[in-house]
N, C-alpha and C. Protein backbone atom coordinates (compact mmCIF):
# COMPACT_ATOMS: atom_id res chain seq x y z
N UNK A 1 -36.53 22.80 -4.10
CA UNK A 1 -35.71 23.06 -5.44
C UNK A 1 -35.67 24.35 -5.95
N UNK A 2 -34.46 24.71 -6.78
CA UNK A 2 -34.65 25.91 -7.34
C UNK A 2 -33.71 25.77 -8.83
N UNK A 3 -34.19 26.53 -9.68
CA UNK A 3 -33.42 26.65 -11.18
C UNK A 3 -32.85 27.75 -11.57
N UNK A 4 -31.40 27.85 -11.60
CA UNK A 4 -30.94 29.15 -12.08
C UNK A 4 -31.36 29.41 -13.50
N UNK A 5 -30.61 30.68 -14.12
CA UNK A 5 -30.96 31.01 -15.21
C UNK A 5 -30.40 30.13 -16.31
N UNK A 6 -29.24 29.31 -16.04
CA UNK A 6 -28.80 28.22 -16.73
C UNK A 6 -29.24 27.19 -16.91
N UNK A 7 -30.18 26.84 -16.06
CA UNK A 7 -31.15 25.80 -15.98
C UNK A 7 -30.76 24.59 -14.95
N UNK A 8 -29.79 24.96 -13.94
CA UNK A 8 -28.88 24.09 -13.14
C UNK A 8 -30.13 24.08 -12.08
N UNK A 9 -30.26 22.85 -11.41
CA UNK A 9 -31.30 22.62 -10.37
C UNK A 9 -30.36 22.61 -9.32
N UNK A 10 -31.04 23.10 -8.31
CA UNK A 10 -30.12 22.93 -6.80
C UNK A 10 -31.20 22.36 -5.94
N UNK A 11 -30.95 21.28 -5.22
CA UNK A 11 -31.88 20.45 -4.22
C UNK A 11 -31.75 20.98 -2.74
N UNK A 12 -32.40 21.05 -1.89
CA UNK A 12 -31.94 21.24 -0.95
C UNK A 12 -32.35 20.04 0.04
N UNK A 13 -31.38 19.52 0.59
CA UNK A 13 -31.65 17.97 1.13
C UNK A 13 -31.99 18.30 2.61
N UNK A 14 -33.23 18.04 2.81
CA UNK A 14 -33.75 18.42 4.35
C UNK A 14 -32.88 17.07 5.01
N UNK A 15 -32.93 15.84 4.61
CA UNK A 15 -32.60 14.74 5.52
C UNK A 15 -31.15 14.88 5.64
N UNK A 16 -30.23 15.38 4.65
CA UNK A 16 -28.55 15.12 4.76
C UNK A 16 -27.85 16.61 5.20
N UNK A 17 -28.70 17.63 5.19
CA UNK A 17 -28.29 18.71 5.53
C UNK A 17 -26.99 19.41 4.42
N UNK A 18 -27.62 19.26 3.25
CA UNK A 18 -26.76 19.68 2.16
C UNK A 18 -27.57 20.23 0.95
N UNK A 19 -26.79 21.14 0.13
CA UNK A 19 -27.27 21.34 -1.29
C UNK A 19 -26.66 20.69 -2.41
N UNK A 20 -27.44 19.97 -3.34
CA UNK A 20 -26.78 19.42 -4.30
C UNK A 20 -27.22 20.43 -5.49
N UNK A 21 -26.48 20.19 -6.53
CA UNK A 21 -26.56 20.92 -7.91
C UNK A 21 -26.42 20.12 -9.15
N UNK A 22 -27.54 20.07 -9.61
CA UNK A 22 -27.49 19.29 -11.20
C UNK A 22 -27.73 20.00 -12.36
N UNK A 23 -26.97 19.47 -13.60
CA UNK A 23 -27.03 20.34 -14.58
C UNK A 23 -28.49 20.24 -15.00
N UNK A 24 -28.94 20.82 -16.30
CA UNK A 24 -30.38 20.92 -16.80
C UNK A 24 -30.65 19.45 -17.31
N UNK A 25 -29.75 18.49 -17.41
CA UNK A 25 -29.93 17.26 -17.82
C UNK A 25 -30.04 16.10 -16.69
N UNK A 26 -29.81 16.99 -15.87
CA UNK A 26 -29.99 16.10 -14.10
C UNK A 26 -28.75 15.40 -14.03
N UNK A 27 -27.75 15.88 -14.40
CA UNK A 27 -26.16 15.30 -14.14
C UNK A 27 -25.63 16.01 -13.09
N UNK A 28 -25.21 14.89 -12.32
CA UNK A 28 -24.57 15.66 -10.66
C UNK A 28 -23.47 16.54 -10.80
N UNK A 29 -23.46 17.84 -10.30
CA UNK A 29 -22.53 18.87 -10.50
C UNK A 29 -21.46 18.82 -9.58
N UNK A 30 -22.42 19.14 -8.34
CA UNK A 30 -21.47 19.42 -6.90
C UNK A 30 -22.46 19.66 -5.80
N UNK A 31 -21.86 19.10 -4.48
CA UNK A 31 -22.84 19.19 -3.38
C UNK A 31 -22.00 19.84 -2.19
N UNK A 32 -22.68 20.64 -1.34
CA UNK A 32 -22.07 21.05 -0.33
C UNK A 32 -22.80 21.12 0.96
N UNK A 33 -21.95 21.33 2.09
CA UNK A 33 -22.80 21.65 3.05
C UNK A 33 -22.65 19.94 4.05
N UNK A 34 -22.86 20.47 5.53
CA UNK A 34 -22.81 19.04 6.52
C UNK A 34 -23.53 19.39 7.51
N UNK A 35 -23.73 18.68 8.22
CA UNK A 35 -24.89 18.86 9.57
C UNK A 35 -23.90 19.43 10.76
N UNK A 36 -24.46 20.83 11.21
CA UNK A 36 -23.69 21.47 12.49
C UNK A 36 -24.59 22.75 12.14
N UNK A 37 -23.92 23.81 13.13
CA UNK A 37 -24.28 25.11 13.38
C UNK A 37 -23.14 25.89 13.15
N UNK A 38 -23.14 26.72 12.15
CA UNK A 38 -21.93 27.73 12.26
C UNK A 38 -22.17 28.61 10.95
N UNK A 39 -21.34 29.80 10.97
CA UNK A 39 -21.65 30.55 9.27
C UNK A 39 -21.20 30.06 8.46
N UNK A 40 -20.73 28.86 8.25
CA UNK A 40 -20.24 28.32 7.08
C UNK A 40 -20.98 27.67 6.41
N UNK A 41 -20.72 26.44 5.74
CA UNK A 41 -21.61 25.77 5.02
C UNK A 41 -22.30 24.27 5.87
N UNK A 42 -22.44 24.76 7.13
CA UNK A 42 -23.19 23.57 7.95
C UNK A 42 -24.37 24.12 8.08
N UNK A 43 -25.36 23.15 8.23
CA UNK A 43 -26.92 23.27 8.14
C UNK A 43 -27.47 22.27 9.34
N UNK A 44 -28.32 22.83 9.86
CA UNK A 44 -28.93 22.06 11.00
C UNK A 44 -30.01 21.36 10.51
N UNK A 45 -31.18 22.18 9.96
CA UNK A 45 -32.02 21.64 9.24
C UNK A 45 -32.54 22.37 7.96
N UNK A 46 -32.25 22.11 6.59
CA UNK A 46 -32.11 22.94 5.50
C UNK A 46 -33.80 22.69 5.13
N UNK A 47 -34.37 23.71 5.23
CA UNK A 47 -35.77 24.39 5.08
C UNK A 47 -35.98 24.25 3.47
N UNK A 48 -35.31 25.20 2.73
CA UNK A 48 -35.61 25.63 1.36
C UNK A 48 -34.29 26.19 1.05
N UNK A 49 -34.19 26.19 -0.61
CA UNK A 49 -33.37 26.85 -1.40
C UNK A 49 -33.73 27.83 -2.71
N UNK A 50 -33.33 28.94 -2.80
CA UNK A 50 -33.48 29.41 -4.17
C UNK A 50 -32.39 30.12 -4.64
N UNK A 51 -32.24 30.69 -5.61
CA UNK A 51 -31.24 31.35 -6.49
C UNK A 51 -31.88 32.50 -7.12
N UNK A 52 -30.92 33.70 -7.12
CA UNK A 52 -31.40 34.88 -7.57
C UNK A 52 -30.89 35.01 -9.08
N UNK A 53 -31.28 36.29 -9.51
CA UNK A 53 -30.67 36.29 -10.94
C UNK A 53 -28.99 36.53 -11.20
N UNK A 54 -28.34 36.70 -10.51
CA UNK A 54 -26.98 36.71 -10.47
C UNK A 54 -26.15 35.41 -10.02
N UNK A 55 -27.00 34.59 -9.50
CA UNK A 55 -26.52 33.19 -9.49
C UNK A 55 -26.15 32.80 -7.89
N UNK A 56 -26.26 33.60 -6.95
CA UNK A 56 -26.29 33.43 -5.63
C UNK A 56 -27.20 32.32 -5.12
N UNK A 57 -27.04 31.51 -4.24
CA UNK A 57 -27.69 30.59 -3.88
C UNK A 57 -28.22 30.92 -2.20
N UNK A 58 -29.55 31.06 -2.13
CA UNK A 58 -29.97 31.05 -0.66
C UNK A 58 -30.58 29.79 -0.26
N UNK A 59 -30.15 29.77 1.32
CA UNK A 59 -30.39 28.53 1.82
C UNK A 59 -31.19 28.90 3.21
N UNK A 60 -32.36 28.84 3.39
CA UNK A 60 -32.86 28.75 4.68
C UNK A 60 -32.64 27.44 5.66
N UNK A 61 -31.94 27.85 7.04
CA UNK A 61 -31.66 26.67 7.60
C UNK A 61 -32.77 26.98 9.02
N UNK A 62 -33.76 26.27 8.74
CA UNK A 62 -34.88 26.13 9.96
C UNK A 62 -34.19 25.89 11.44
N UNK A 63 -33.28 24.95 11.62
CA UNK A 63 -32.71 24.75 12.66
C UNK A 63 -31.82 25.70 13.29
N UNK A 64 -31.41 26.59 12.84
CA UNK A 64 -30.58 27.56 13.40
C UNK A 64 -31.09 28.90 12.99
N UNK A 65 -32.41 28.96 12.52
CA UNK A 65 -33.21 30.24 12.11
C UNK A 65 -31.99 31.06 11.44
N UNK A 66 -31.52 30.81 10.17
CA UNK A 66 -30.68 31.68 9.30
C UNK A 66 -31.03 31.43 8.12
N UNK A 67 -30.72 32.76 7.42
CA UNK A 67 -30.55 32.08 5.62
C UNK A 67 -29.22 32.62 5.15
N UNK A 68 -28.64 31.64 4.63
CA UNK A 68 -27.20 31.75 4.40
C UNK A 68 -27.28 31.75 2.97
N UNK A 69 -26.00 32.76 2.52
CA UNK A 69 -25.97 33.10 0.86
C UNK A 69 -24.74 32.66 0.32
N UNK A 70 -24.63 32.03 -0.86
CA UNK A 70 -23.59 31.50 -0.85
C UNK A 70 -23.26 31.66 -2.50
N UNK A 71 -22.03 32.06 -2.91
CA UNK A 71 -21.65 32.62 -4.35
C UNK A 71 -21.53 31.76 -5.17
N UNK A 72 -21.40 32.18 -6.28
CA UNK A 72 -21.06 31.13 -7.64
C UNK A 72 -20.55 30.11 -7.29
N UNK A 73 -19.36 30.27 -6.23
CA UNK A 73 -18.37 28.95 -6.42
C UNK A 73 -18.74 28.36 -4.92
N UNK A 74 -19.92 28.51 -4.41
CA UNK A 74 -20.43 27.90 -3.32
C UNK A 74 -19.67 27.99 -1.81
N UNK A 75 -18.83 28.96 -2.34
CA UNK A 75 -18.59 29.72 -0.89
C UNK A 75 -19.77 30.70 -0.39
N UNK A 76 -19.51 30.86 1.09
CA UNK A 76 -20.77 31.54 1.99
C UNK A 76 -20.15 32.88 1.33
N UNK A 77 -21.05 33.84 1.37
CA UNK A 77 -20.57 35.04 0.83
C UNK A 77 -21.85 36.14 1.24
């Protein structure tokens, strides 16, 4: 799990290969990702998630040995 500067919570879904975002009250905002191996929003085995001070989301994917970086709009970048 990770928390951004606005209090939003990001949850790495190890079993479902996606990232979920909730507001500071626990209300679901969005989710992205699916199972697979590519340079986009697919994950093989999500291991961890973190957010930097600018709001970029970093996801470590154990299954394909990568760290994928997403922008504020959840697009890879």
